[in-house]
Amino acid sequence: MQQHHARQTVPVAQLYAILDREFKLRRPAACTTCAVPLPYWRKPPDDVSANWFIGTPRVCGHGCDIVIAEILAQLWTRYDIDRTPPKP
């Protein structure tokens, strides 16, 4: 039987900071222009998928789009976006 681990729920700004930090660690040194697209909430298609996705990264001759896809695949299993309204 497959075991599902609970995702950590974080604000969308924190999720972007995590994605951005991971990308900066892995980005090919030859590229100085690419950035991670912003994450956004979406209804999960099933019980095991995350509740977020990112915009499509632009195709990069240095392979940044591949690096971003790898980061997405890794972090998608770890985080969900917190949709709790902030307290006034």
PDB file of N, CA and C in Angstrom:
ATOM      1  N   MET A   1       0.846  -1.188   0.000  1.00  0.00           N
ATOM      2  CA  MET A   1       0.000   0.000   0.000  1.00  0.00           C
ATOM      3  C   MET A   1       0.887   1.245   0.000  1.00  0.00           C
ATOM      4  N   GLN A   2       0.534   2.211  -0.825  1.00  0.00           N
ATOM      5  CA  GLN A   2       1.315   3.446  -0.922  1.00  0.00           C
ATOM      6  C   GLN A   2       0.932   4.395   0.210  1.00  0.00           C
ATOM      7  N   GLN A   3       1.949   4.976   0.836  1.00  0.00           N
ATOM      8  CA  GLN A   3       1.709   5.898   1.938  1.00  0.00           C
ATOM      9  C   GLN A   3       1.798   7.334   1.441  1.00  0.00           C
ATOM     10  N   HIS A   4       0.824   8.172   1.817  1.00  0.00           N
ATOM     11  CA  HIS A   4       0.814   9.570   1.408  1.00  0.00           C
ATOM     12  C   HIS A   4       1.242  10.429   2.588  1.00  0.00           C
ATOM     13  N   HIS A   5       2.189  11.304   2.347  1.00  0.00           N
ATOM     14  CA  HIS A   5       2.653  12.208   3.391  1.00  0.00           C
ATOM     15  C   HIS A   5       1.916  13.536   3.256  1.00  0.00           C
ATOM     16  N   ALA A   6       1.590  14.118   4.378  1.00  0.00           N
ATOM     17  CA  ALA A   6       0.892  15.399   4.366  1.00  0.00           C
ATOM     18  C   ALA A   6       1.826  16.491   3.848  1.00  0.00           C
ATOM     19  N   ARG A   7       1.267  17.357   3.040  1.00  0.00           N
ATOM     20  CA  ARG A   7       2.041  18.503   2.550  1.00  0.00           C
ATOM     21  C   ARG A   7       2.027  19.594   3.599  1.00  0.00           C
ATOM     22  N   GLN A   8       3.079  20.378   3.616  1.00  0.00           N
ATOM     23  CA  GLN A   8       3.119  21.553   4.479  1.00  0.00           C
ATOM     24  C   GLN A   8       2.320  22.657   3.794  1.00  0.00           C
ATOM     25  N   THR A   9       1.426  23.293   4.514  1.00  0.00           N
ATOM     26  CA  THR A   9       0.619  24.375   3.963  1.00  0.00           C
ATOM     27  C   THR A   9       1.315  25.695   4.256  1.00  0.00           C
ATOM     28  N   VAL A  10       1.575  26.466   3.188  1.00  0.00           N
ATOM     29  CA  VAL A  10       2.308  27.723   3.316  1.00  0.00           C
ATOM     30  C   VAL A  10       1.596  28.819   2.527  1.00  0.00           C
ATOM     31  N   PRO A  11       1.795  30.088   2.908  1.00  0.00           N
ATOM     32  CA  PRO A  11       1.250  31.188   2.104  1.00  0.00           C
ATOM     33  C   PRO A  11       1.895  31.182   0.708  1.00  0.00           C
ATOM     34  N   VAL A  12       1.166  31.676  -0.266  1.00  0.00           N
ATOM     35  CA  VAL A  12       1.670  31.664  -1.643  1.00  0.00           C
ATOM     36  C   VAL A  12       2.999  32.425  -1.766  1.00  0.00           C
ATOM     37  N   ALA A  13       3.176  33.502  -1.016  1.00  0.00           N
ATOM     38  CA  ALA A  13       4.435  34.252  -1.079  1.00  0.00           C
ATOM     39  C   ALA A  13       5.607  33.407  -0.577  1.00  0.00           C
ATOM     40  N   GLN A  14       5.360  32.617   0.452  1.00  0.00           N
ATOM     41  CA  GLN A  14       6.418  31.744   0.970  1.00  0.00           C
ATOM     42  C   GLN A  14       6.739  30.642  -0.035  1.00  0.00           C
ATOM     43  N   LEU A  15       5.720  30.101  -0.681  1.00  0.00           N
ATOM     44  CA  LEU A  15       5.949  29.076  -1.700  1.00  0.00           C
ATOM     45  C   LEU A  15       6.792  29.650  -2.833  1.00  0.00           C
ATOM     46  N   TYR A  16       6.479  30.872  -3.268  1.00  0.00           N
ATOM     47  CA  TYR A  16       7.283  31.489  -4.327  1.00  0.00           C
ATOM     48  C   TYR A  16       8.730  31.661  -3.866  1.00  0.00           C
ATOM     49  N   ALA A  17       8.933  32.079  -2.623  1.00  0.00           N
ATOM     50  CA  ALA A  17      10.295  32.255  -2.107  1.00  0.00           C
ATOM     51  C   ALA A  17      11.055  30.923  -2.123  1.00  0.00           C
ATOM     52  N   ILE A  18      10.376  29.840  -1.789  1.00  0.00           N
ATOM     53  CA  ILE A  18      11.007  28.515  -1.814  1.00  0.00           C
ATOM     54  C   ILE A  18      11.366  28.128  -3.248  1.00  0.00           C
ATOM     55  N   LEU A  19      10.428  28.303  -4.165  1.00  0.00           N
ATOM     56  CA  LEU A  19      10.690  27.998  -5.575  1.00  0.00           C
ATOM     57  C   LEU A  19      11.847  28.830  -6.115  1.00  0.00           C
ATOM     58  N   ASP A  20      11.835  30.117  -5.809  1.00  0.00           N
ATOM     59  CA  ASP A  20      12.871  31.030  -6.290  1.00  0.00           C
ATOM     60  C   ASP A  20      14.246  30.645  -5.729  1.00  0.00           C
ATOM     61  N   ARG A  21      14.288  30.331  -4.446  1.00  0.00           N
ATOM     62  CA  ARG A  21      15.564  29.940  -3.821  1.00  0.00           C
ATOM     63  C   ARG A  21      16.117  28.667  -4.472  1.00  0.00           C
ATOM     64  N   GLU A  22      15.259  27.678  -4.671  1.00  0.00           N
ATOM     65  CA  GLU A  22      15.705  26.429  -5.297  1.00  0.00           C
ATOM     66  C   GLU A  22      16.196  26.668  -6.724  1.00  0.00           C
ATOM     67  N   PHE A  23      15.473  27.523  -7.457  1.00  0.00           N
ATOM     68  CA  PHE A  23      15.887  27.806  -8.829  1.00  0.00           C
ATOM     69  C   PHE A  23      17.245  28.505  -8.857  1.00  0.00           C
ATOM     70  N   LYS A  24      17.449  29.464  -7.987  1.00  0.00           N
ATOM     71  CA  LYS A  24      18.734  30.177  -7.955  1.00  0.00           C
ATOM     72  C   LYS A  24      19.889  29.244  -7.620  1.00  0.00           C
ATOM     73  N   LEU A  25      19.635  28.213  -6.823  1.00  0.00           N
ATOM     74  CA  LEU A  25      20.677  27.238  -6.497  1.00  0.00           C
ATOM     75  C   LEU A  25      21.020  26.347  -7.688  1.00  0.00           C
ATOM     76  N   ARG A  26      20.050  26.095  -8.551  1.00  0.00           N
ATOM     77  CA  ARG A  26      20.226  25.141  -9.657  1.00  0.00           C
ATOM     78  C   ARG A  26      20.328  25.768 -11.039  1.00  0.00           C
ATOM     79  N   ARG A  27      20.020  27.043 -11.148  1.00  0.00           N
ATOM     80  CA  ARG A  27      20.006  27.702 -12.464  1.00  0.00           C
ATOM     81  C   ARG A  27      21.368  27.573 -13.141  1.00  0.00           C
ATOM     82  N   PRO A  28      21.378  27.257 -14.431  1.00  0.00           N
ATOM     83  CA  PRO A  28      22.649  27.221 -15.154  1.00  0.00           C
ATOM     84  C   PRO A  28      23.341  28.585 -15.070  1.00  0.00           C
ATOM     85  N   ALA A  29      24.622  28.581 -14.782  1.00  0.00           N
ATOM     86  CA  ALA A  29      25.379  29.825 -14.595  1.00  0.00           C
ATOM     87  C   ALA A  29      25.352  30.710 -15.832  1.00  0.00           C
ATOM     88  N   ALA A  30      25.199  30.108 -17.002  1.00  0.00           N
ATOM     89  CA  ALA A  30      25.207  30.880 -18.245  1.00  0.00           C
ATOM     90  C   ALA A  30      23.965  31.742 -18.418  1.00  0.00           C
ATOM     91  N   CYS A  31      22.892  31.449 -17.691  1.00  0.00           N
ATOM     92  CA  CYS A  31      21.651  32.208 -17.833  1.00  0.00           C
ATOM     93  C   CYS A  31      21.499  33.190 -16.679  1.00  0.00           C
ATOM     94  N   THR A  32      21.211  34.414 -17.030  1.00  0.00           N
ATOM     95  CA  THR A  32      20.995  35.446 -16.009  1.00  0.00           C
ATOM     96  C   THR A  32      19.623  36.107 -16.139  1.00  0.00           C
ATOM     97  N   THR A  33      18.773  35.582 -17.022  1.00  0.00           N
ATOM     98  CA  THR A  33      17.499  36.255 -17.283  1.00  0.00           C
ATOM     99  C   THR A  33      16.256  35.497 -16.818  1.00  0.00           C
ATOM    100  N   CYS A  34      16.331  34.189 -16.692  1.00  0.00           N
ATOM    101  CA  CYS A  34      15.140  33.407 -16.349  1.00  0.00           C
ATOM    102  C   CYS A  34      14.769  33.556 -14.880  1.00  0.00           C
ATOM    103  N   ALA A  35      13.483  33.373 -14.615  1.00  0.00           N
ATOM    104  CA  ALA A  35      12.947  33.390 -13.251  1.00  0.00           C
ATOM    105  C   ALA A  35      11.824  32.361 -13.177  1.00  0.00           C
ATOM    106  N   VAL A  36      11.527  31.922 -11.973  1.00  0.00           N
ATOM    107  CA  VAL A  36      10.437  30.968 -11.769  1.00  0.00           C
ATOM    108  C   VAL A  36       9.108  31.711 -11.930  1.00  0.00           C
ATOM    109  N   PRO A  37       8.183  31.160 -12.696  1.00  0.00           N
ATOM    110  CA  PRO A  37       6.851  31.771 -12.776  1.00  0.00           C
ATOM    111  C   PRO A  37       6.164  31.720 -11.408  1.00  0.00           C
ATOM    112  N   LEU A  38       5.261  32.647 -11.177  1.00  0.00           N
ATOM    113  CA  LEU A  38       4.540  32.707  -9.905  1.00  0.00           C
ATOM    114  C   LEU A  38       3.624  31.494  -9.732  1.00  0.00           C
ATOM    115  N   PRO A  39       3.580  30.947  -8.522  1.00  0.00           N
ATOM    116  CA  PRO A  39       2.631  29.868  -8.266  1.00  0.00           C
ATOM    117  C   PRO A  39       1.222  30.440  -8.093  1.00  0.00           C
ATOM    118  N   TYR A  40       0.224  29.634  -8.407  1.00  0.00           N
ATOM    119  CA  TYR A  40      -1.159  30.053  -8.224  1.00  0.00           C
ATOM    120  C   TYR A  40      -1.983  28.859  -7.757  1.00  0.00           C
ATOM    121  N   TRP A  41      -3.078  29.155  -7.028  1.00  0.00           N
ATOM    122  CA  TRP A  41      -3.956  28.108  -6.529  1.00  0.00           C
ATOM    123  C   TRP A  41      -4.768  27.541  -7.673  1.00  0.00           C
ATOM    124  N   ARG A  42      -5.013  26.253  -7.580  1.00  0.00           N
ATOM    125  CA  ARG A  42      -5.950  25.589  -8.481  1.00  0.00           C
ATOM    126  C   ARG A  42      -6.537  24.413  -7.733  1.00  0.00           C
ATOM    127  N   LYS A  43      -7.737  24.055  -8.080  1.00  0.00           N
ATOM    128  CA  LYS A  43      -8.378  22.906  -7.433  1.00  0.00           C
ATOM    129  C   LYS A  43      -7.602  21.647  -7.825  1.00  0.00           C
ATOM    130  N   PRO A  44      -7.180  20.864  -6.825  1.00  0.00           N
ATOM    131  CA  PRO A  44      -6.443  19.640  -7.161  1.00  0.00           C
ATOM    132  C   PRO A  44      -7.311  18.686  -7.988  1.00  0.00           C
ATOM    133  N   PRO A  45      -6.740  18.069  -9.008  1.00  0.00           N
ATOM    134  CA  PRO A  45      -7.517  17.165  -9.847  1.00  0.00           C
ATOM    135  C   PRO A  45      -7.852  15.837  -9.166  1.00  0.00           C
ATOM    136  N   ASP A  46      -7.140  15.529  -8.065  1.00  0.00           N
ATOM    137  CA  ASP A  46      -7.395  14.280  -7.344  1.00  0.00           C
ATOM    138  C   ASP A  46      -6.916  14.431  -5.903  1.00  0.00           C
ATOM    139  N   ASP A  47      -7.018  13.370  -5.132  1.00  0.00           N
ATOM    140  CA  ASP A  47      -6.686  13.425  -3.709  1.00  0.00           C
ATOM    141  C   ASP A  47      -5.191  13.469  -3.411  1.00  0.00           C
ATOM    142  N   VAL A  48      -4.356  13.181  -4.380  1.00  0.00           N
ATOM    143  CA  VAL A  48      -2.913  13.133  -4.124  1.00  0.00           C
ATOM    144  C   VAL A  48      -2.141  14.296  -4.747  1.00  0.00           C
ATOM    145  N   SER A  49      -2.803  15.138  -5.504  1.00  0.00           N
ATOM    146  CA  SER A  49      -2.129  16.255  -6.172  1.00  0.00           C
ATOM    147  C   SER A  49      -2.131  17.518  -5.314  1.00  0.00           C
ATOM    148  N   ALA A  50      -1.151  18.371  -5.551  1.00  0.00           N
ATOM    149  CA  ALA A  50      -1.061  19.652  -4.852  1.00  0.00           C
ATOM    150  C   ALA A  50      -2.166  20.587  -5.320  1.00  0.00           C
ATOM    151  N   ASN A  51      -2.414  21.640  -4.530  1.00  0.00           N
ATOM    152  CA  ASN A  51      -3.462  22.607  -4.874  1.00  0.00           C
ATOM    153  C   ASN A  51      -2.891  23.834  -5.574  1.00  0.00           C
ATOM    154  N   TRP A  52      -1.735  23.689  -6.213  1.00  0.00           N
ATOM    155  CA  TRP A  52      -1.111  24.823  -6.888  1.00  0.00           C
ATOM    156  C   TRP A  52      -0.389  24.358  -8.141  1.00  0.00           C
ATOM    157  N   PHE A  53      -0.097  25.331  -8.967  1.00  0.00           N
ATOM    158  CA  PHE A  53       0.677  25.106 -10.184  1.00  0.00           C
ATOM    159  C   PHE A  53       1.439  26.388 -10.453  1.00  0.00           C
ATOM    160  N   ILE A  54       2.270  26.394 -11.473  1.00  0.00           N
ATOM    161  CA  ILE A  54       2.968  27.622 -11.868  1.00  0.00           C
ATOM    162  C   ILE A  54       2.674  27.889 -13.339  1.00  0.00           C
ATOM    163  N   GLY A  55       2.894  29.137 -13.739  1.00  0.00           N
ATOM    164  CA  GLY A  55       2.769  29.466 -15.148  1.00  0.00           C
ATOM    165  C   GLY A  55       3.834  28.718 -15.945  1.00  0.00           C
ATOM    166  N   THR A  56       3.665  28.655 -17.241  1.00  0.00           N
ATOM    167  CA  THR A  56       4.622  27.956 -18.098  1.00  0.00           C
ATOM    168  C   THR A  56       5.911  28.757 -18.212  1.00  0.00           C
ATOM    169  N   PRO A  57       7.043  28.149 -17.834  1.00  0.00           N
ATOM    170  CA  PRO A  57       8.304  28.880 -17.985  1.00  0.00           C
ATOM    171  C   PRO A  57       8.649  29.010 -19.466  1.00  0.00           C
ATOM    172  N   ARG A  58       9.346  30.082 -19.807  1.00  0.00           N
ATOM    173  CA  ARG A  58       9.736  30.258 -21.213  1.00  0.00           C
ATOM    174  C   ARG A  58      10.831  29.259 -21.558  1.00  0.00           C
ATOM    175  N   VAL A  59      10.868  28.840 -22.807  1.00  0.00           N
ATOM    176  CA  VAL A  59      11.906  27.921 -23.264  1.00  0.00           C
ATOM    177  C   VAL A  59      13.241  28.649 -23.217  1.00  0.00           C
ATOM    178  N   CYS A  60      14.237  28.002 -22.620  1.00  0.00           N
ATOM    179  CA  CYS A  60      15.548  28.630 -22.444  1.00  0.00           C
ATOM    180  C   CYS A  60      16.623  27.752 -23.075  1.00  0.00           C
ATOM    181  N   GLY A  61      17.479  28.357 -23.847  1.00  0.00           N
ATOM    182  CA  GLY A  61      18.580  27.640 -24.483  1.00  0.00           C
ATOM    183  C   GLY A  61      19.571  27.055 -23.498  1.00  0.00           C
ATOM    184  N   HIS A  62      19.542  27.531 -22.272  1.00  0.00           N
ATOM    185  CA  HIS A  62      20.456  27.022 -21.236  1.00  0.00           C
ATOM    186  C   HIS A  62      19.808  25.918 -20.411  1.00  0.00           C
ATOM    187  N   GLY A  63      18.532  25.637 -20.653  1.00  0.00           N
ATOM    188  CA  GLY A  63      17.849  24.550 -19.962  1.00  0.00           C
ATOM    189  C   GLY A  63      17.128  24.950 -18.694  1.00  0.00           C
ATOM    190  N   CYS A  64      16.924  26.243 -18.469  1.00  0.00           N
ATOM    191  CA  CYS A  64      16.231  26.684 -17.254  1.00  0.00           C
ATOM    192  C   CYS A  64      14.826  26.114 -17.163  1.00  0.00           C
ATOM    193  N   ASP A  65      14.138  25.979 -18.295  1.00  0.00           N
ATOM    194  CA  ASP A  65      12.785  25.435 -18.278  1.00  0.00           C
ATOM    195  C   ASP A  65      12.780  23.990 -17.768  1.00  0.00           C
ATOM    196  N   ILE A  66      13.812  23.237 -18.057  1.00  0.00           N
ATOM    197  CA  ILE A  66      13.935  21.864 -17.568  1.00  0.00           C
ATOM    198  C   ILE A  66      14.207  21.861 -16.065  1.00  0.00           C
ATOM    199  N   VAL A  67      15.083  22.764 -15.630  1.00  0.00           N
ATOM    200  CA  VAL A  67      15.394  22.882 -14.203  1.00  0.00           C
ATOM    201  C   VAL A  67      14.129  23.233 -13.421  1.00  0.00           C
ATOM    202  N   ILE A  68      13.340  24.170 -13.939  1.00  0.00           N
ATOM    203  CA  ILE A  68      12.095  24.570 -13.268  1.00  0.00           C
ATOM    204  C   ILE A  68      11.126  23.394 -13.203  1.00  0.00           C
ATOM    205  N   ALA A  69      11.024  22.614 -14.270  1.00  0.00           N
ATOM    206  CA  ALA A  69      10.141  21.440 -14.264  1.00  0.00           C
ATOM    207  C   ALA A  69      10.587  20.423 -13.207  1.00  0.00           C
ATOM    208  N   GLU A  70      11.892  20.242 -13.051  1.00  0.00           N
ATOM    209  CA  GLU A  70      12.406  19.313 -12.045  1.00  0.00           C
ATOM    210  C   GLU A  70      12.101  19.813 -10.626  1.00  0.00           C
ATOM    211  N   ILE A  71      12.259  21.114 -10.407  1.00  0.00           N
ATOM    212  CA  ILE A  71      11.948  21.695  -9.099  1.00  0.00           C
ATOM    213  C   ILE A  71      10.457  21.544  -8.804  1.00  0.00           C
ATOM    214  N   LEU A  72       9.628  21.821  -9.790  1.00  0.00           N
ATOM    215  CA  LEU A  72       8.180  21.675  -9.635  1.00  0.00           C
ATOM    216  C   LEU A  72       7.827  20.242  -9.236  1.00  0.00           C
ATOM    217  N   ALA A  73       8.394  19.266  -9.930  1.00  0.00           N
ATOM    218  CA  ALA A  73       8.114  17.864  -9.632  1.00  0.00           C
ATOM    219  C   ALA A  73       8.520  17.501  -8.206  1.00  0.00           C
ATOM    220  N   GLN A  74       9.615  18.061  -7.739  1.00  0.00           N
ATOM    221  CA  GLN A  74      10.097  17.765  -6.394  1.00  0.00           C
ATOM    222  C   GLN A  74       9.236  18.447  -5.324  1.00  0.00           C
ATOM    223  N   LEU A  75       8.957  19.735  -5.507  1.00  0.00           N
ATOM    224  CA  LEU A  75       8.268  20.498  -4.462  1.00  0.00           C
ATOM    225  C   LEU A  75       6.757  20.325  -4.468  1.00  0.00           C
ATOM    226  N   TRP A  76       6.208  19.864  -5.569  1.00  0.00           N
ATOM    227  CA  TRP A  76       4.773  19.656  -5.677  1.00  0.00           C
ATOM    228  C   TRP A  76       4.281  18.658  -4.647  1.00  0.00           C
ATOM    229  N   THR A  77       5.155  17.733  -4.252  1.00  0.00           N
ATOM    230  CA  THR A  77       4.765  16.715  -3.274  1.00  0.00           C
ATOM    231  C   THR A  77       4.912  17.195  -1.834  1.00  0.00           C
ATOM    232  N   ARG A  78       5.520  18.359  -1.636  1.00  0.00           N
ATOM    233  CA  ARG A  78       5.830  18.831  -0.286  1.00  0.00           C
ATOM    234  C   ARG A  78       4.954  19.965   0.227  1.00  0.00           C
ATOM    235  N   TYR A  79       4.355  20.748  -0.675  1.00  0.00           N
ATOM    236  CA  TYR A  79       3.667  21.971  -0.254  1.00  0.00           C
ATOM    237  C   TYR A  79       2.278  22.099  -0.864  1.00  0.00           C
ATOM    238  N   ASP A  80       1.400  22.749  -0.109  1.00  0.00           N
ATOM    239  CA  ASP A  80       0.099  23.221  -0.582  1.00  0.00           C
ATOM    240  C   ASP A  80       0.015  24.703  -0.239  1.00  0.00           C
ATOM    241  N   ILE A  81      -0.800  25.428  -0.987  1.00  0.00           N
ATOM    242  CA  ILE A  81      -1.009  26.852  -0.718  1.00  0.00           C
ATOM    243  C   ILE A  81      -2.090  26.996   0.359  1.00  0.00           C
ATOM    244  N   ASP A  82      -1.814  27.847   1.332  1.00  0.00           N
ATOM    245  CA  ASP A  82      -2.778  28.155   2.393  1.00  0.00           C
ATOM    246  C   ASP A  82      -3.762  29.184   1.851  1.00  0.00           C
ATOM    247  N   ARG A  83      -5.025  28.835   1.850  1.00  0.00           N
ATOM    248  CA  ARG A  83      -6.063  29.757   1.358  1.00  0.00           C
ATOM    249  C   ARG A  83      -6.856  30.369   2.496  1.00  0.00           C
ATOM    250  N   THR A  84      -6.380  30.231   3.715  1.00  0.00           N
ATOM    251  CA  THR A  84      -7.070  30.824   4.862  1.00  0.00           C
ATOM    252  C   THR A  84      -6.982  32.340   4.767  1.00  0.00           C
ATOM    253  N   PRO A  85      -8.105  33.051   4.830  1.00  0.00           N
ATOM    254  CA  PRO A  85      -8.046  34.514   4.748  1.00  0.00           C
ATOM    255  C   PRO A  85      -7.242  35.080   5.934  1.00  0.00           C
ATOM    256  N   PRO A  86      -6.441  36.112   5.681  1.00  0.00           N
ATOM    257  CA  PRO A  86      -5.684  36.723   6.785  1.00  0.00           C
ATOM    258  C   PRO A  86      -6.623  37.345   7.805  1.00  0.00           C
ATOM    259  N   LYS A  87      -6.211  37.312   9.050  1.00  0.00           N
ATOM    260  CA  LYS A  87      -7.028  37.921  10.114  1.00  0.00           C
ATOM    261  C   LYS A  87      -6.850  39.422  10.095  1.00  0.00           C
ATOM    262  N   PRO A  88      -7.961  40.161  10.293  1.00  0.00           N
ATOM    263  CA  PRO A  88      -7.873  41.637  10.259  1.00  0.00           C
ATOM    264  C   PRO A  88      -7.127  42.205  11.453  1.00  0.00           C
TER     265      PRO A  88
END
